[in-house]
Protein backbone atom coordinates (compact mmCIF):
# COMPACT_ATOMS: atom_id res chain seq x y z
CA MET A 1 0.00 0.00 0.00
CA ILE A 2 1.23 3.48 -0.93
CA LEU A 3 1.28 6.18 1.76
CA PRO A 4 1.76 9.62 0.16
CA GLY A 5 3.25 12.67 1.79
CA SER A 6 1.22 15.81 1.15
CA ALA A 7 3.86 17.15 -1.27
CA SER A 8 4.07 13.91 -3.29
CA GLN A 9 0.44 12.95 -3.90
CA SER A 10 0.55 12.98 -7.70
CA LEU A 11 3.76 10.94 -7.80
CA ALA A 12 2.28 8.47 -5.30
CA ALA A 13 -0.75 8.04 -7.58
CA GLU A 14 1.53 7.41 -10.57
CA LEU A 15 3.54 4.88 -8.58
CA ALA A 16 0.39 3.11 -7.41
CA ALA A 17 -0.72 2.78 -11.03
CA GLU A 18 2.69 1.42 -12.04
CA LEU A 19 2.73 -1.16 -9.25
CA GLY A 20 -0.98 -1.98 -9.22
CA GLU A 21 -1.13 -1.25 -5.50
CA PRO A 22 -3.71 0.85 -3.60
CA ILE A 23 -3.15 4.25 -2.04
CA ALA A 24 -3.92 4.57 1.64
CA PRO A 25 -6.37 7.29 2.66
CA VAL A 26 -4.28 9.97 4.38
CA GLU A 27 -5.34 13.18 6.08
CA TYR A 28 -2.99 16.05 6.84
CA GLU A 29 -3.67 18.40 9.72
CA ARG A 30 -1.97 21.40 11.28
CA PHE A 31 -2.76 22.43 14.83
CA PRO A 32 -3.05 26.08 15.88
CA ASP A 33 0.43 25.92 17.45
CA GLY A 34 1.91 24.84 14.12
CA GLU A 35 2.41 21.15 14.90
CA LEU A 36 1.56 18.63 12.18
CA LEU A 37 -0.43 15.43 12.26
CA VAL A 38 -0.94 12.84 9.55
CA ARG A 39 -3.67 10.25 9.91
CA ILE A 40 -4.11 7.17 7.73
CA GLY A 41 -7.42 5.38 7.32
CA ASP A 42 -8.43 1.98 8.64
CA VAL A 43 -5.87 -0.09 6.77
CA SER A 44 -3.44 -2.83 7.70
CA PRO A 45 -0.82 -3.11 4.96
CA GLU A 46 1.75 -5.89 4.95
CA ARG A 47 4.18 -3.63 3.08
CA ALA A 48 3.86 0.13 3.33
CA ILE A 49 5.59 2.30 0.74
CA VAL A 50 5.92 5.83 2.05
CA VAL A 51 6.44 8.32 -0.78
CA ALA A 52 7.44 11.75 0.48
CA SER A 53 9.76 14.44 -0.78
CA THR A 54 11.32 16.44 2.04
CA ALA A 55 11.84 19.87 0.50
CA THR A 56 10.77 21.50 3.77
CA SER A 57 11.31 20.74 7.43
CA ASP A 58 7.55 20.21 7.81
CA ALA A 59 7.64 17.59 5.06
CA PHE A 60 10.43 15.81 6.93
CA VAL A 61 8.35 15.65 10.13
CA GLU A 62 5.37 14.47 8.10
CA LEU A 63 7.49 11.66 6.65
CA LEU A 64 8.51 10.46 10.11
CA GLN A 65 4.87 10.44 11.16
CA LEU A 66 3.83 8.45 8.08
CA GLN A 67 6.47 5.83 8.84
CA ASP A 68 5.28 5.56 12.42
CA ALA A 69 1.61 5.43 11.38
CA ALA A 70 2.44 2.56 9.01
CA ARG A 71 4.03 0.60 11.86
CA GLU A 72 1.08 1.40 14.12
CA ALA A 73 -1.24 0.04 11.43
CA GLY A 74 0.65 -3.26 11.47
CA ALA A 75 2.96 -3.00 8.46
CA SER A 76 5.71 -5.61 8.69
CA GLU A 77 7.86 -3.74 6.15
CA VAL A 78 8.19 0.00 5.56
CA VAL A 79 9.89 1.14 2.38
CA THR A 80 10.62 4.85 2.31
CA VAL A 81 10.89 6.55 -1.07
CA LEU A 82 12.54 9.97 -0.99
CA PRO A 83 11.91 11.44 -4.46
CA TYR A 84 13.72 14.55 -3.27
CA MET A 85 15.86 14.33 -0.14
CA GLY A 86 16.13 17.63 1.64
CA TYR A 87 19.41 18.52 3.37
CA ALA A 88 21.31 16.14 1.07
CA ARG A 89 23.63 18.93 -0.05
CA GLN A 90 25.01 19.32 3.48
CA ASP A 91 26.85 16.00 3.28
CA GLU A 92 29.85 17.15 5.33
CA ALA A 93 30.76 19.80 7.87
CA PHE A 94 32.07 22.47 5.52
CA THR A 95 33.24 24.72 8.34
CA PRO A 96 33.98 23.97 12.02
CA GLY A 97 30.86 23.77 14.12
CA GLU A 98 28.50 22.76 11.31
CA PRO A 99 26.46 19.54 11.38
CA VAL A 100 26.40 16.89 8.69
CA SER A 101 22.73 17.57 8.12
CA SER A 102 22.14 14.76 5.62
CA ARG A 103 23.52 12.28 8.16
CA ALA A 104 21.24 13.66 10.87
CA VAL A 105 18.07 13.33 8.78
CA ALA A 106 19.13 9.92 7.45
CA ARG A 107 19.49 8.62 10.99
CA ALA A 108 16.01 9.82 11.88
CA ILE A 109 14.47 8.29 8.75
CA SER A 110 16.36 5.05 9.37
CA SER A 111 14.55 4.57 12.68
CA GLY A 112 11.30 3.88 10.85
CA ALA A 113 12.39 2.32 7.55
CA ASP A 114 13.44 -1.14 6.43
CA ARG A 115 14.59 0.09 3.03
CA VAL A 116 15.19 3.51 1.49
CA LEU A 117 15.12 4.66 -2.12
CA THR A 118 16.34 8.10 -3.15
CA VAL A 119 16.21 9.73 -6.59
CA ASN A 120 19.33 11.50 -7.81
CA PRO A 121 20.54 12.82 -4.46
CA HIS A 122 22.96 15.72 -4.88
CA GLU A 123 25.68 13.50 -3.42
CA GLU A 124 25.14 9.76 -3.86
CA GLY A 125 27.32 9.13 -0.81
CA VAL A 126 24.45 10.19 1.47
CA CYS A 127 23.04 6.68 1.02
CA ALA A 128 25.79 5.44 3.34
CA PHE A 129 24.27 7.50 6.18
CA PHE A 130 21.17 5.28 6.33
CA ASP A 131 21.16 2.20 8.54
CA PRO A 132 18.84 0.08 6.33
CA PRO A 133 19.80 -0.61 2.72
CA ALA A 134 19.56 2.61 0.70
CA VAL A 135 19.77 2.98 -3.08
CA ALA A 136 20.11 6.06 -5.27
CA LEU A 137 18.07 5.82 -8.47
CA ASP A 138 18.89 7.70 -11.67
CA ALA A 139 15.84 9.38 -13.18
CA ALA A 140 17.79 11.71 -15.48
CA PRO A 141 17.02 9.66 -18.64
CA ARG A 142 13.33 10.46 -18.09
CA LEU A 143 14.11 14.10 -18.92
CA ALA A 144 14.62 13.23 -22.58
CA GLU A 145 10.93 12.39 -23.04
CA PRO A 146 9.44 15.92 -23.05
CA LEU A 147 12.15 17.39 -25.30
CA PRO A 148 11.10 18.24 -28.88
CA ASP A 149 11.89 15.55 -31.43
CA ASP A 150 13.38 18.07 -33.85
CA LEU A 151 16.31 19.47 -31.85
CA THR A 152 18.95 20.93 -34.17
CA GLU A 153 22.43 19.47 -33.58
CA PRO A 154 21.56 19.12 -29.88
CA LEU A 155 24.19 19.87 -27.27
CA PHE A 156 23.58 18.60 -23.73
CA LEU A 157 25.39 20.78 -21.21
CA ALA A 158 26.17 19.88 -17.59
CA PRO A 159 26.68 22.58 -14.93
CA ASP A 160 30.26 21.38 -14.32
CA GLU A 161 32.63 18.63 -15.38
CA GLY A 162 31.58 16.36 -12.52
CA ALA A 163 27.99 16.29 -13.77
CA CYS A 164 28.79 15.21 -17.32
CA ASP A 165 27.33 11.77 -16.62
CA LEU A 166 23.99 13.43 -15.89
CA ALA A 167 24.01 15.21 -19.25
CA GLY A 168 25.17 12.01 -20.91
CA SER A 169 22.22 10.10 -19.46
CA VAL A 170 19.76 12.53 -21.01
CA ARG A 171 21.66 12.56 -24.32
CA ASP A 172 21.71 8.76 -24.48
CA ALA A 173 17.98 8.58 -23.76
CA TYR A 174 17.30 11.22 -26.43
CA GLY A 175 19.31 9.19 -28.93
CA ARG A 176 21.63 11.77 -30.46
CA GLY A 177 23.71 14.84 -29.68
CA GLU A 178 26.92 15.83 -27.93
CA THR A 179 27.72 16.57 -24.31
CA ASP A 180 29.81 19.33 -22.77
CA TYR A 181 29.99 21.19 -19.48
CA PHE A 182 30.22 24.73 -18.20
CA GLU A 183 33.43 26.15 -16.81
CA LYS A 184 33.02 28.63 -13.97
CA VAL A 185 35.70 31.24 -13.37
CA ARG A 186 35.22 33.37 -10.27
CA ARG A 187 36.35 36.94 -10.92
CA SER A 188 35.29 38.22 -7.50
CA GLY A 189 32.99 37.36 -4.64
CA THR A 190 29.95 38.20 -6.75
CA ASP A 191 31.25 37.95 -10.34
CA VAL A 192 31.32 34.44 -11.81
CA GLU A 193 32.00 33.93 -15.52
CA VAL A 194 30.21 30.89 -16.98
CA THR A 195 31.18 29.54 -20.40
CA PRO A 196 30.80 26.24 -22.27
CA SER A 197 34.16 24.53 -22.01
CA ASP A 198 34.68 23.35 -25.56
CA ALA A 199 31.80 22.77 -27.98
CA GLY A 200 30.43 25.59 -30.09
CA VAL A 201 26.77 26.50 -29.61
CA ALA A 202 25.96 28.86 -32.50
CA GLY A 203 22.89 27.72 -34.40
CA ARG A 204 22.44 24.67 -32.18
CA ASP A 205 19.70 23.73 -29.75
CA VAL A 206 21.16 23.44 -26.25
CA VAL A 207 19.76 21.39 -23.37
CA VAL A 208 21.14 22.38 -19.99
CA VAL A 209 20.93 19.43 -17.59
CA ASP A 210 21.13 19.77 -13.80
CA ASP A 211 20.07 17.69 -10.84
CA ILE A 212 18.54 20.63 -8.93
CA VAL A 213 17.48 24.10 -10.03
CA ALA A 214 16.93 26.08 -6.84
CA THR A 215 17.11 29.88 -7.12
CA GLY A 216 17.80 29.84 -10.86
CA SER A 217 20.54 32.49 -10.63
CA THR A 218 23.44 30.48 -12.07
CA MET A 219 21.13 28.79 -14.57
CA SER A 220 19.83 32.17 -15.78
CA GLU A 221 23.38 33.42 -16.24
CA SER A 222 24.22 30.28 -18.22
CA ILE A 223 21.21 30.78 -20.48
CA GLY A 224 22.27 34.37 -21.07
CA VAL A 225 25.75 33.29 -22.13
CA LEU A 226 24.33 30.70 -24.53
CA ASN A 227 22.00 33.25 -26.11
CA GLU A 228 24.87 35.72 -26.47
CA ARG A 229 26.74 33.00 -28.36
CA ASP A 230 23.83 32.60 -30.77
CA ALA A 231 22.46 29.29 -29.57
CA ALA A 232 19.21 28.48 -31.39
CA ARG A 233 16.95 27.37 -28.54
CA VAL A 234 17.92 26.77 -24.91
CA TYR A 235 16.04 24.24 -22.81
CA VAL A 236 16.53 23.54 -19.11
CA THR A 237 15.99 20.04 -17.79
CA THR A 238 16.25 19.19 -14.11
CA VAL A 239 15.45 16.15 -12.03
CA HIS A 240 14.44 18.29 -9.05
CA PRO A 241 12.66 21.52 -10.08
CA LEU A 242 12.88 23.24 -6.70
CA LEU A 243 12.47 26.66 -8.38
CA ALA A 244 12.45 28.67 -5.16
CA ARG A 245 11.10 32.20 -4.92
CA ASN A 246 11.31 34.00 -8.28
CA ALA A 247 13.37 31.37 -10.12
CA PRO A 248 10.74 30.84 -12.88
CA THR A 249 10.77 34.58 -13.62
CA LYS A 250 14.58 34.64 -13.76
CA LEU A 251 14.62 31.79 -16.25
CA ALA A 252 11.91 33.34 -18.40
CA ARG A 253 13.71 36.71 -18.48
CA ALA A 254 16.94 34.93 -19.44
CA GLY A 255 15.22 33.64 -22.57
CA VAL A 256 14.76 29.92 -21.88
CA ALA A 257 12.62 28.14 -24.46
CA ALA A 258 11.15 25.77 -21.85
CA VAL A 259 11.91 24.19 -18.49
CA TYR A 260 11.22 20.49 -17.97
CA GLY A 261 11.41 18.73 -14.62
CA THR A 262 10.27 15.50 -13.05
CA ASP A 263 7.66 15.11 -10.32
CA THR A 264 10.12 14.50 -7.49
CA LEU A 265 9.01 18.03 -6.66
CA GLU A 266 5.52 18.66 -8.00
CA ARG A 267 5.68 21.92 -9.91
CA PRO A 268 4.03 23.34 -13.05
CA VAL A 269 7.16 22.31 -15.00
CA SER A 270 6.94 18.66 -13.87
CA ALA A 271 6.57 17.21 -17.35
CA VAL A 272 7.52 13.61 -16.64
CA SER A 273 7.19 11.18 -13.74
CA VAL A 274 9.90 9.20 -11.99
CA ALA A 275 7.31 6.57 -11.03
CA PRO A 276 8.50 4.00 -13.64
CA VAL A 277 12.05 4.23 -12.31
CA VAL A 278 10.93 3.75 -8.71
CA ALA A 279 8.49 0.98 -9.67
CA THR A 280 11.20 -0.97 -11.47
CA GLU A 281 13.38 -0.93 -8.35
CA LEU A 282 10.50 -1.93 -6.06
CA SER A 283 9.52 -4.79 -8.34
CA GLU A 284 12.96 -6.40 -8.32
């Protein structure tokens, strides 16, 4: 039985359809003092699959409550699916006195899970922080599906050299094109020059591939550079379309042709679901 977090209801429905399993009735409540409460209906699942992205601290608390409610309902196995794992970028103490936040949340989630699935965490090493078996799934190839079929000499650009595999996954799924990455040269504390490292972009359709688009600032600058270099059309594809605050406006003003994301974070740009990827792993 699928137990959806409030921020992952559409993805949970897609996953239920893929697996042929029912969705548990879940209610979400907030008390006047701000505390949260989730309540599942009168069910007794043998295996509970909790599907909850944790883009906010409230969503994280909600996830812990769903896991506990599943146990209370008699589930003998709880599988936790983290389409988007919040705090995953803080995978080490970058300065003295800081926590390893991803380790802290992984420990809490581990207390109620028998198995954990994540989707393209910013650092795959965070899976080692979980006590039960944890697997990172790659949903990047799904981003090829919404792209136009008629891309002209497509170039798939990663945000840096280390993310070339991400761009390569989308290129391979699309079936043709080249890959490259952006080089970032910091001129000052606020001035960062972003340029494609090698391949020419003039007259070509460019697909910028990233795991997360948060504020959209660096992505907007990248789009501007590509347009200055006479790229034909520029598309942005991202596994996790966080798109905080005014990020959609920034991207639109930069001249992006379209933004395509998955439903790990349910946004207007969520053009494709990661449910088939998660379902394949759960079925094995």
